[in-house]
PDB file of all heavy atoms in Angstrom:
ATOM      1  N   GLY A   1      44.240  94.982 262.380  1.00  0.00           N
ATOM      2  CA  GLY A   1      43.295  93.895 262.574  1.00  0.00           C
ATOM      3  C   GLY A   1      41.882  94.172 262.132  1.00  0.00           C
ATOM      4  O   GLY A   1      41.540  94.035 260.971  1.00  0.00           O
ATOM      5  N   ASP A   2      41.051  94.608 263.068  1.00  0.00           N
ATOM      6  CA  ASP A   2      39.617  94.708 262.814  1.00  0.00           C
ATOM      7  C   ASP A   2      39.116  96.149 262.771  1.00  0.00           C
ATOM      8  O   ASP A   2      37.958  96.416 263.034  1.00  0.00           O
ATOM      9  CB  ASP A   2      38.851  93.922 263.870  1.00  0.00           C
ATOM     10  CG  ASP A   2      39.178  94.361 265.288  1.00  0.00           C
ATOM     11  OD1 ASP A   2      39.986  95.297 265.467  1.00  0.00           O
ATOM     12  OD2 ASP A   2      38.640  93.774 266.226  1.00  0.00           O
ATOM     13  N   ARG A   3      39.966  97.075 262.431  1.00  0.00           N
ATOM     14  CA  ARG A   3      39.584  98.489 262.398  1.00  0.00           C
ATOM     15  C   ARG A   3      39.746  99.022 260.977  1.00  0.00           C
ATOM     16  O   ARG A   3      40.751  98.799 260.332  1.00  0.00           O
ATOM     17  CB  ARG A   3      40.447  99.288 263.362  1.00  0.00           C
ATOM     18  CG  ARG A   3      39.955 100.685 263.574  1.00  0.00           C
ATOM     19  CD  ARG A   3      40.624 101.330 264.759  1.00  0.00           C
ATOM     20  NE  ARG A   3      40.563 100.543 265.968  1.00  0.00           N
ATOM     21  CZ  ARG A   3      39.566 100.603 266.851  1.00  0.00           C
ATOM     22  NH1 ARG A   3      38.566 101.407 266.663  1.00  0.00           N
ATOM     23  NH2 ARG A   3      39.582  99.854 267.934  1.00  0.00           N
ATOM     24  N   PHE A   4      38.706  99.730 260.537  1.00  0.00           N
ATOM     25  CA  PHE A   4      38.696 100.325 259.208  1.00  0.00           C
ATOM     26  C   PHE A   4      38.431 101.818 259.339  1.00  0.00           C
ATOM     27  O   PHE A   4      37.723 102.245 260.254  1.00  0.00           O
ATOM     28  CB  PHE A   4      37.580  99.719 258.349  1.00  0.00           C
ATOM     29  CG  PHE A   4      37.694  98.235 258.164  1.00  0.00           C
ATOM     30  CD1 PHE A   4      37.114  97.358 259.074  1.00  0.00           C
ATOM     31  CD2 PHE A   4      38.373  97.708 257.084  1.00  0.00           C
ATOM     32  CE1 PHE A   4      37.213  95.991 258.914  1.00  0.00           C
ATOM     33  CE2 PHE A   4      38.480  96.337 256.911  1.00  0.00           C
ATOM     34  CZ  PHE A   4      37.895  95.475 257.827  1.00  0.00           C
ATOM     35  N   TYR A   5      38.985 102.592 258.407  1.00  0.00           N
ATOM     36  CA  TYR A   5      38.713 104.024 258.340  1.00  0.00           C
ATOM     37  C   TYR A   5      38.288 104.384 256.933  1.00  0.00           C
ATOM     38  O   TYR A   5      38.795 103.813 255.962  1.00  0.00           O
ATOM     39  CB  TYR A   5      39.943 104.850 258.721  1.00  0.00           C
ATOM     40  CG  TYR A   5      40.203 104.887 260.198  1.00  0.00           C
ATOM     41  CD1 TYR A   5      40.996 103.929 260.812  1.00  0.00           C
ATOM     42  CD2 TYR A   5      39.634 105.874 260.993  1.00  0.00           C
ATOM     43  CE1 TYR A   5      41.226 103.956 262.169  1.00  0.00           C
ATOM     44  CE2 TYR A   5      39.858 105.906 262.362  1.00  0.00           C
ATOM     45  CZ  TYR A   5      40.659 104.947 262.936  1.00  0.00           C
ATOM     46  OH  TYR A   5      40.874 104.982 264.283  1.00  0.00           O
ATOM     47  N   ILE A   6      37.376 105.331 256.842  1.00  0.00           N
ATOM     48  CA  ILE A   6      36.875 105.797 255.556  1.00  0.00           C
ATOM     49  C   ILE A   6      37.028 107.311 255.522  1.00  0.00           C
ATOM     50  O   ILE A   6      36.516 108.007 256.404  1.00  0.00           O
ATOM     51  CB  ILE A   6      35.392 105.423 255.367  1.00  0.00           C
ATOM     52  CG1 ILE A   6      35.196 103.918 255.562  1.00  0.00           C
ATOM     53  CG2 ILE A   6      34.893 105.896 254.006  1.00  0.00           C
ATOM     54  CD1 ILE A   6      33.788 103.521 255.913  1.00  0.00           C
ATOM     55  N   LEU A   7      37.737 107.811 254.531  1.00  0.00           N
ATOM     56  CA  LEU A   7      37.885 109.241 254.320  1.00  0.00           C
ATOM     57  C   LEU A   7      36.840 109.649 253.299  1.00  0.00           C
ATOM     58  O   LEU A   7      36.848 109.173 252.163  1.00  0.00           O
ATOM     59  CB  LEU A   7      39.291 109.573 253.810  1.00  0.00           C
ATOM     60  CG  LEU A   7      39.548 111.015 253.409  1.00  0.00           C
ATOM     61  CD1 LEU A   7      39.351 111.966 254.587  1.00  0.00           C
ATOM     62  CD2 LEU A   7      40.946 111.149 252.825  1.00  0.00           C
ATOM     63  N   VAL A   8      35.915 110.483 253.717  1.00  0.00           N
ATOM     64  CA  VAL A   8      34.818 110.936 252.854  1.00  0.00           C
ATOM     65  C   VAL A   8      35.096 112.400 252.523  1.00  0.00           C
ATOM     66  O   VAL A   8      34.909 113.276 253.358  1.00  0.00           O
ATOM     67  CB  VAL A   8      33.450 110.782 253.552  1.00  0.00           C
ATOM     68  CG1 VAL A   8      32.321 111.146 252.609  1.00  0.00           C
ATOM     69  CG2 VAL A   8      33.276 109.366 254.076  1.00  0.00           C
ATOM     70  N   GLU A   9      35.552 112.639 251.303  1.00  0.00           N
ATOM     71  CA  GLU A   9      35.907 113.987 250.876  1.00  0.00           C
ATOM     72  C   GLU A   9      34.785 114.606 250.054  1.00  0.00           C
ATOM     73  O   GLU A   9      33.863 113.933 249.631  1.00  0.00           O
ATOM     74  CB  GLU A   9      37.183 113.952 250.034  1.00  0.00           C
ATOM     75  CG  GLU A   9      38.402 113.488 250.804  1.00  0.00           C
ATOM     76  CD  GLU A   9      39.643 113.481 249.964  1.00  0.00           C
ATOM     77  OE1 GLU A   9      40.266 114.555 249.832  1.00  0.00           O
ATOM     78  OE2 GLU A   9      39.974 112.409 249.424  1.00  0.00           O
ATOM     79  N   ASN A  10      34.915 115.910 249.846  1.00  0.00           N
ATOM     80  CA  ASN A  10      33.997 116.662 248.996  1.00  0.00           C
ATOM     81  C   ASN A  10      32.544 116.528 249.434  1.00  0.00           C
ATOM     82  O   ASN A  10      31.658 116.261 248.629  1.00  0.00           O
ATOM     83  CB  ASN A  10      34.150 116.240 247.523  1.00  0.00           C
ATOM     84  CG  ASN A  10      35.567 116.414 247.047  1.00  0.00           C
ATOM     85  OD1 ASN A  10      36.152 117.469 247.199  1.00  0.00           O
ATOM     86  ND2 ASN A  10      36.131 115.361 246.485  1.00  0.00           N
ATOM     87  N   LEU A  11      32.320 116.713 250.712  1.00  0.00           N
ATOM     88  CA  LEU A  11      30.955 116.649 251.241  1.00  0.00           C
ATOM     89  C   LEU A  11      30.191 117.899 250.804  1.00  0.00           C
ATOM     90  O   LEU A  11      30.683 119.012 250.945  1.00  0.00           O
ATOM     91  CB  LEU A  11      30.978 116.557 252.765  1.00  0.00           C
ATOM     92  CG  LEU A  11      31.573 115.268 253.336  1.00  0.00           C
ATOM     93  CD1 LEU A  11      31.794 115.408 254.836  1.00  0.00           C
ATOM     94  CD2 LEU A  11      30.673 114.096 253.027  1.00  0.00           C
ATOM     95  N   ALA A  12      28.993 117.701 250.303  1.00  0.00           N
ATOM     96  CA  ALA A  12      28.175 118.823 249.854  1.00  0.00           C
ATOM     97  C   ALA A  12      27.692 119.679 251.026  1.00  0.00           C
ATOM     98  O   ALA A  12      27.501 120.879 250.895  1.00  0.00           O
ATOM     99  CB  ALA A  12      26.983 118.305 249.050  1.00  0.00           C
ATOM    100  N   SER A  13      27.489 119.037 252.168  1.00  0.00           N
ATOM    101  CA  SER A  13      27.083 119.764 253.373  1.00  0.00           C
ATOM    102  C   SER A  13      27.516 118.957 254.592  1.00  0.00           C
ATOM    103  O   SER A  13      27.890 117.789 254.481  1.00  0.00           O
ATOM    104  CB  SER A  13      25.575 119.986 253.398  1.00  0.00           C
ATOM    105  OG  SER A  13      24.898 118.784 253.689  1.00  0.00           O
ATOM    106  N   GLU A  14      27.443 119.595 255.743  1.00  0.00           N
ATOM    107  CA  GLU A  14      27.856 118.931 256.982  1.00  0.00           C
ATOM    108  C   GLU A  14      26.984 117.726 257.315  1.00  0.00           C
ATOM    109  O   GLU A  14      27.442 116.764 257.912  1.00  0.00           O
ATOM    110  CB  GLU A  14      27.847 119.928 258.138  1.00  0.00           C
ATOM    111  CG  GLU A  14      28.919 120.979 258.014  1.00  0.00           C
ATOM    112  CD  GLU A  14      28.972 121.924 259.201  1.00  0.00           C
ATOM    113  OE1 GLU A  14      28.316 121.661 260.230  1.00  0.00           O
ATOM    114  OE2 GLU A  14      29.685 122.930 259.094  1.00  0.00           O
ATOM    115  N   LYS A  15      25.722 117.752 256.924  1.00  0.00           N
ATOM    116  CA  LYS A  15      24.814 116.650 257.274  1.00  0.00           C
ATOM    117  C   LYS A  15      25.081 115.384 256.456  1.00  0.00           C
ATOM    118  O   LYS A  15      24.660 114.297 256.835  1.00  0.00           O
ATOM    119  CB  LYS A  15      23.361 117.084 257.119  1.00  0.00           C
ATOM    120  CG  LYS A  15      22.938 117.372 255.704  1.00  0.00           C
ATOM    121  CD  LYS A  15      21.491 117.809 255.626  1.00  0.00           C
ATOM    122  CE  LYS A  15      21.126 118.095 254.178  1.00  0.00           C
ATOM    123  NZ  LYS A  15      19.763 118.508 254.029  1.00  0.00           N
ATOM    124  N   TYR A  16      25.811 115.505 255.355  1.00  0.00           N
ATOM    125  CA  TYR A  16      26.026 114.356 254.487  1.00  0.00           C
ATOM    126  C   TYR A  16      26.832 113.255 255.168  1.00  0.00           C
ATOM    127  O   TYR A  16      26.598 112.072 254.929  1.00  0.00           O
ATOM    128  CB  TYR A  16      26.707 114.782 253.177  1.00  0.00           C
ATOM    129  CG  TYR A  16      26.799 113.661 252.183  1.00  0.00           C
ATOM    130  CD1 TYR A  16      25.645 113.151 251.570  1.00  0.00           C
ATOM    131  CD2 TYR A  16      28.004 113.079 251.869  1.00  0.00           C
ATOM    132  CE1 TYR A  16      25.710 112.107 250.676  1.00  0.00           C
ATOM    133  CE2 TYR A  16      28.083 112.035 250.968  1.00  0.00           C
ATOM    134  CZ  TYR A  16      26.938 111.553 250.377  1.00  0.00           C
ATOM    135  OH  TYR A  16      27.009 110.517 249.497  1.00  0.00           O
ATOM    136  N   LEU A  17      27.776 113.615 256.040  1.00  0.00           N
ATOM    137  CA  LEU A  17      28.596 112.593 256.708  1.00  0.00           C
ATOM    138  C   LEU A  17      27.732 111.650 257.541  1.00  0.00           C
ATOM    139  O   LEU A  17      27.938 110.437 257.530  1.00  0.00           O
ATOM    140  CB  LEU A  17      29.675 113.235 257.577  1.00  0.00           C
ATOM    141  CG  LEU A  17      30.655 112.259 258.226  1.00  0.00           C
ATOM    142  CD1 LEU A  17      31.437 111.477 257.166  1.00  0.00           C
ATOM    143  CD2 LEU A  17      31.615 112.995 259.140  1.00  0.00           C
ATOM    144  N   SER A  18      26.743 112.180 258.246  1.00  0.00           N
ATOM    145  CA  SER A  18      25.876 111.308 259.046  1.00  0.00           C
ATOM    146  C   SER A  18      25.027 110.411 258.142  1.00  0.00           C
ATOM    147  O   SER A  18      24.746 109.259 258.503  1.00  0.00           O
ATOM    148  CB  SER A  18      24.999 112.124 259.992  1.00  0.00           C
ATOM    149  OG  SER A  18      24.143 112.964 259.273  1.00  0.00           O
ATOM    150  N   ILE A  19      24.648 110.901 256.982  1.00  0.00           N
ATOM    151  CA  ILE A  19      23.884 110.083 256.026  1.00  0.00           C
ATOM    152  C   ILE A  19      24.739 108.918 255.534  1.00  0.00           C
ATOM    153  O   ILE A  19      24.286 107.772 255.471  1.00  0.00           O
ATOM    154  CB  ILE A  19      23.380 110.942 254.851  1.00  0.00           C
ATOM    155  CG1 ILE A  19      22.360 111.964 255.343  1.00  0.00           C
ATOM    156  CG2 ILE A  19      22.808 110.084 253.738  1.00  0.00           C
ATOM    157  CD1 ILE A  19      22.000 113.037 254.329  1.00  0.00           C
ATOM    158  N   VAL A  20      26.000 109.205 255.190  1.00  0.00           N
ATOM    159  CA  VAL A  20      26.915 108.160 254.725  1.00  0.00           C
ATOM    160  C   VAL A  20      27.165 107.142 255.833  1.00  0.00           C
ATOM    161  O   VAL A  20      27.121 105.931 255.605  1.00  0.00           O
ATOM    162  CB  VAL A  20      28.249 108.782 254.242  1.00  0.00           C
ATOM    163  CG1 VAL A  20      29.272 107.704 253.930  1.00  0.00           C
ATOM    164  CG2 VAL A  20      28.024 109.669 253.038  1.00  0.00           C
ATOM    165  N   THR A  21      27.399 107.625 257.038  1.00  0.00           N
ATOM    166  CA  THR A  21      27.647 106.739 258.180  1.00  0.00           C
ATOM    167  C   THR A  21      26.453 105.816 258.415  1.00  0.00           C
ATOM    168  O   THR A  21      26.612 104.605 258.609  1.00  0.00           O
ATOM    169  CB  THR A  21      27.951 107.565 259.444  1.00  0.00           C
ATOM    170  OG1 THR A  21      29.053 108.425 259.186  1.00  0.00           O
ATOM    171  CG2 THR A  21      28.271 106.665 260.624  1.00  0.00           C
ATOM    172  N   GLU A  22      25.271 106.384 258.368  1.00  0.00           N
ATOM    173  CA  GLU A  22      24.056 105.578 258.573  1.00  0.00           C
ATOM    174  C   GLU A  22      23.891 104.539 257.473  1.00  0.00           C
ATOM    175  O   GLU A  22      23.530 103.388 257.739  1.00  0.00           O
ATOM    176  CB  GLU A  22      22.837 106.500 258.615  1.00  0.00           C
ATOM    177  CG  GLU A  22      21.551 105.779 258.953  1.00  0.00           C
ATOM    178  CD  GLU A  22      20.388 106.750 259.069  1.00  0.00           C
ATOM    179  OE1 GLU A  22      20.555 107.801 259.707  1.00  0.00           O
ATOM    180  OE2 GLU A  22      19.315 106.431 258.510  1.00  0.00           O
ATOM    181  N   ARG A  23      24.181 104.914 256.230  1.00  0.00           N
ATOM    182  CA  ARG A  23      24.054 103.977 255.109  1.00  0.00           C
ATOM    183  C   ARG A  23      25.026 102.804 255.277  1.00  0.00           C
ATOM    184  O   ARG A  23      24.663 101.638 255.058  1.00  0.00           O
ATOM    185  CB  ARG A  23      24.309 104.706 253.788  1.00  0.00           C
ATOM    186  CG  ARG A  23      24.066 103.813 252.574  1.00  0.00           C
ATOM    187  CD  ARG A  23      24.302 104.535 251.275  1.00  0.00           C
ATOM    188  NE  ARG A  23      25.725 104.789 251.129  1.00  0.00           N
ATOM    189  CZ  ARG A  23      26.237 105.906 250.645  1.00  0.00           C
ATOM    190  NH1 ARG A  23      25.476 106.895 250.285  1.00  0.00           N
ATOM    191  NH2 ARG A  23      27.544 106.042 250.516  1.00  0.00           N
ATOM    192  N   ILE A  24      26.245 103.083 255.698  1.00  0.00           N
ATOM    193  CA  ILE A  24      27.227 102.019 255.900  1.00  0.00           C
ATOM    194  C   ILE A  24      26.802 101.118 257.059  1.00  0.00           C
ATOM    195  O   ILE A  24      26.872  99.892 256.961  1.00  0.00           O
ATOM    196  CB  ILE A  24      28.630 102.604 256.143  1.00  0.00           C
ATOM    197  CG1 ILE A  24      29.114 103.316 254.881  1.00  0.00           C
ATOM    198  CG2 ILE A  24      29.615 101.521 256.554  1.00  0.00           C
ATOM    199  CD1 ILE A  24      30.355 104.163 255.083  1.00  0.00           C
ATOM    200  N   GLN A  25      26.331 101.721 258.153  1.00  0.00           N
ATOM    201  CA  GLN A  25      25.869 100.926 259.302  1.00  0.00           C
ATOM    202  C   GLN A  25      24.719 100.009 258.898  1.00  0.00           C
ATOM    203  O   GLN A  25      24.688  98.832 259.275  1.00  0.00           O
ATOM    204  CB  GLN A  25      25.436 101.837 260.452  1.00  0.00           C
ATOM    205  CG  GLN A  25      25.016 101.081 261.701  1.00  0.00           C
ATOM    206  CD  GLN A  25      26.175 100.417 262.407  1.00  0.00           C
ATOM    207  OE1 GLN A  25      27.048 101.100 262.918  1.00  0.00           O
ATOM    208  NE2 GLN A  25      26.203  99.093 262.447  1.00  0.00           N
ATOM    209  N   GLN A  26      23.777 100.523 258.111  1.00  0.00           N
ATOM    210  CA  GLN A  26      22.650  99.698 257.660  1.00  0.00           C
ATOM    211  C   GLN A  26      23.129  98.525 256.817  1.00  0.00           C
ATOM    212  O   GLN A  26      22.633  97.407 256.968  1.00  0.00           O
ATOM    213  CB  GLN A  26      21.655 100.550 256.875  1.00  0.00           C
ATOM    214  CG  GLN A  26      20.865 101.493 257.733  1.00  0.00           C
ATOM    215  CD  GLN A  26      20.000 102.452 256.916  1.00  0.00           C
ATOM    216  OE1 GLN A  26      20.100 102.531 255.691  1.00  0.00           O
ATOM    217  NE2 GLN A  26      19.157 103.199 257.609  1.00  0.00           N
ATOM    218  N   GLU A  27      24.090  98.764 255.941  1.00  0.00           N
ATOM    219  CA  GLU A  27      24.614  97.680 255.107  1.00  0.00           C
ATOM    220  C   GLU A  27      25.310  96.629 255.958  1.00  0.00           C
ATOM    221  O   GLU A  27      25.128  95.425 255.749  1.00  0.00           O
ATOM    222  CB  GLU A  27      25.585  98.239 254.058  1.00  0.00           C
ATOM    223  CG  GLU A  27      26.214  97.189 253.181  1.00  0.00           C
ATOM    224  CD  GLU A  27      25.237  96.451 252.280  1.00  0.00           C
ATOM    225  OE1 GLU A  27      24.122  96.946 252.019  1.00  0.00           O
ATOM    226  OE2 GLU A  27      25.593  95.342 251.825  1.00  0.00           O
ATOM    227  N   LEU A  28      26.095  97.066 256.933  1.00  0.00           N
ATOM    228  CA  LEU A  28      26.793  96.109 257.796  1.00  0.00           C
ATOM    229  C   LEU A  28      25.815  95.340 258.684  1.00  0.00           C
ATOM    230  O   LEU A  28      26.038  94.168 258.988  1.00  0.00           O
ATOM    231  CB  LEU A  28      27.840  96.831 258.645  1.00  0.00           C
ATOM    232  CG  LEU A  28      29.023  97.402 257.864  1.00  0.00           C
ATOM    233  CD1 LEU A  28      29.877  98.281 258.758  1.00  0.00           C
ATOM    234  CD2 LEU A  28      29.844  96.297 257.232  1.00  0.00           C
ATOM    235  N   ASP A  29      24.731  95.981 259.093  1.00  0.00           N
ATOM    236  CA  ASP A  29      23.706  95.299 259.885  1.00  0.00           C
ATOM    237  C   ASP A  29      22.899  94.325 259.025  1.00  0.00           C
ATOM    238  O   ASP A  29      22.511  93.259 259.474  1.00  0.00           O
ATOM    239  CB  ASP A  29      22.749  96.306 260.531  1.00  0.00           C
ATOM    240  CG  ASP A  29      23.404  97.104 261.644  1.00  0.00           C
ATOM    241  OD1 ASP A  29      24.497  96.715 262.114  1.00  0.00           O
ATOM    242  OD2 ASP A  29      22.825  98.143 262.031  1.00  0.00           O
ATOM    243  N   ARG A  30      22.661  94.711 257.783  1.00  0.00           N
ATOM    244  CA  ARG A  30      21.859  93.884 256.872  1.00  0.00           C
ATOM    245  C   ARG A  30      22.627  92.629 256.439  1.00  0.00           C
ATOM    246  O   ARG A  30      22.055  91.568 256.255  1.00  0.00           O
ATOM    247  CB  ARG A  30      21.466  94.717 255.651  1.00  0.00           C
ATOM    248  CG  ARG A  30      20.426  94.073 254.785  1.00  0.00           C
ATOM    249  CD  ARG A  30      19.872  94.933 253.653  1.00  0.00           C
ATOM    250  NE  ARG A  30      20.672  96.039 253.182  1.00  0.00           N
ATOM    251  CZ  ARG A  30      20.397  97.336 253.422  1.00  0.00           C
ATOM    252  NH1 ARG A  30      19.352  97.666 254.134  1.00  0.00           N
ATOM    253  NH2 ARG A  30      21.168  98.293 252.935  1.00  0.00           N
ATOM    254  N   HIS A  31      23.936  92.755 256.253  1.00  0.00           N
ATOM    255  CA  HIS A  31      24.756  91.631 255.808  1.00  0.00           C
ATOM    256  C   HIS A  31      25.958  91.464 256.742  1.00  0.00           C
ATOM    257  O   HIS A  31      27.101  91.670 256.335  1.00  0.00           O
ATOM    258  CB  HIS A  31      25.250  91.870 254.377  1.00  0.00           C
ATOM    259  CG  HIS A  31      24.161  92.069 253.388  1.00  0.00           C
ATOM    260  ND1 HIS A  31      23.345  91.050 252.971  1.00  0.00           N
ATOM    261  CD2 HIS A  31      23.733  93.178 252.741  1.00  0.00           C
ATOM    262  CE1 HIS A  31      22.469  91.519 252.107  1.00  0.00           C
ATOM    263  NE2 HIS A  31      22.682  92.814 251.957  1.00  0.00           N
ATOM    264  N   PRO A  32      25.707  91.070 257.985  1.00  0.00           N
ATOM    265  CA  PRO A  32      26.828  90.973 258.925  1.00  0.00           C
ATOM    266  C   PRO A  32      27.721  89.774 258.615  1.00  0.00           C
ATOM    267  O   PRO A  32      27.243  88.726 258.193  1.00  0.00           O
ATOM    268  CB  PRO A  32      26.139  90.799 260.280  1.00  0.00           C
ATOM    269  CG  PRO A  32      24.838  90.144 259.945  1.00  0.00           C
ATOM    270  CD  PRO A  32      24.441  90.692 258.596  1.00  0.00           C
ATOM    271  N   ALA A  33      29.010  89.966 258.811  1.00  0.00           N
ATOM    272  CA  ALA A  33      29.938  88.844 258.719  1.00  0.00           C
ATOM    273  C   ALA A  33      29.716  87.985 259.963  1.00  0.00           C
ATOM    274  O   ALA A  33      29.427  88.501 261.043  1.00  0.00           O
ATOM    275  CB  ALA A  33      31.368  89.348 258.656  1.00  0.00           C
ATOM    276  N   GLU A  34      29.853  86.678 259.805  1.00  0.00           N
ATOM    277  CA  GLU A  34      29.577  85.774 260.914  1.00  0.00           C
ATOM    278  C   GLU A  34      30.482  86.070 262.104  1.00  0.00           C
ATOM    279  O   GLU A  34      31.698  86.151 261.986  1.00  0.00           O
ATOM    280  CB  GLU A  34      29.797  84.330 260.467  1.00  0.00           C
ATOM    281  CG  GLU A  34      29.417  83.320 261.523  1.00  0.00           C
ATOM    282  CD  GLU A  34      29.577  81.896 261.043  1.00  0.00           C
ATOM    283  OE1 GLU A  34      29.567  81.664 259.827  1.00  0.00           O
ATOM    284  OE2 GLU A  34      29.721  81.024 261.898  1.00  0.00           O
ATOM    285  N   GLY A  35      29.852  86.275 263.259  1.00  0.00           N
ATOM    286  CA  GLY A  35      30.588  86.490 264.490  1.00  0.00           C
ATOM    287  C   GLY A  35      31.180  87.876 264.658  1.00  0.00           C
ATOM    288  O   GLY A  35      32.001  88.084 265.539  1.00  0.00           O
ATOM    289  N   ILE A  36      30.800  88.830 263.807  1.00  0.00           N
ATOM    290  CA  ILE A  36      31.365  90.177 263.882  1.00  0.00           C
ATOM    291  C   ILE A  36      30.259  91.196 264.077  1.00  0.00           C
ATOM    292  O   ILE A  36      29.235  91.160 263.399  1.00  0.00           O
ATOM    293  CB  ILE A  36      32.180  90.517 262.622  1.00  0.00           C
ATOM    294  CG1 ILE A  36      33.413  89.631 262.560  1.00  0.00           C
ATOM    295  CG2 ILE A  36      32.578  91.983 262.605  1.00  0.00           C
ATOM    296  CD1 ILE A  36      34.337  89.913 261.418  1.00  0.00           C
ATOM    297  N   HIS A  37      30.485  92.098 265.005  1.00  0.00           N
ATOM    298  CA  HIS A  37      29.579  93.226 265.240  1.00  0.00           C
ATOM    299  C   HIS A  37      30.355  94.510 264.941  1.00  0.00           C
ATOM    300  O   HIS A  37      31.466  94.687 265.445  1.00  0.00           O
ATOM    301  CB  HIS A  37      29.088  93.231 266.691  1.00  0.00           C
ATOM    302  CG  HIS A  37      28.298  94.443 267.029  1.00  0.00           C
ATOM    303  ND1 HIS A  37      27.023  94.645 266.558  1.00  0.00           N
ATOM    304  CD2 HIS A  37      28.612  95.532 267.752  1.00  0.00           C
ATOM    305  CE1 HIS A  37      26.580  95.816 266.996  1.00  0.00           C
ATOM    306  NE2 HIS A  37      27.538  96.368 267.728  1.00  0.00           N
TER     307      HIS A  37
END
């Protein structure tokens, strides 16, 4: 249904995953689908 997973491979460092997560969250917040959080 409403669950997505993203496999992020070949990370240059451990901190990169949080950067990617934050970038995706910002995009979803900037362009939210109607009625979805």
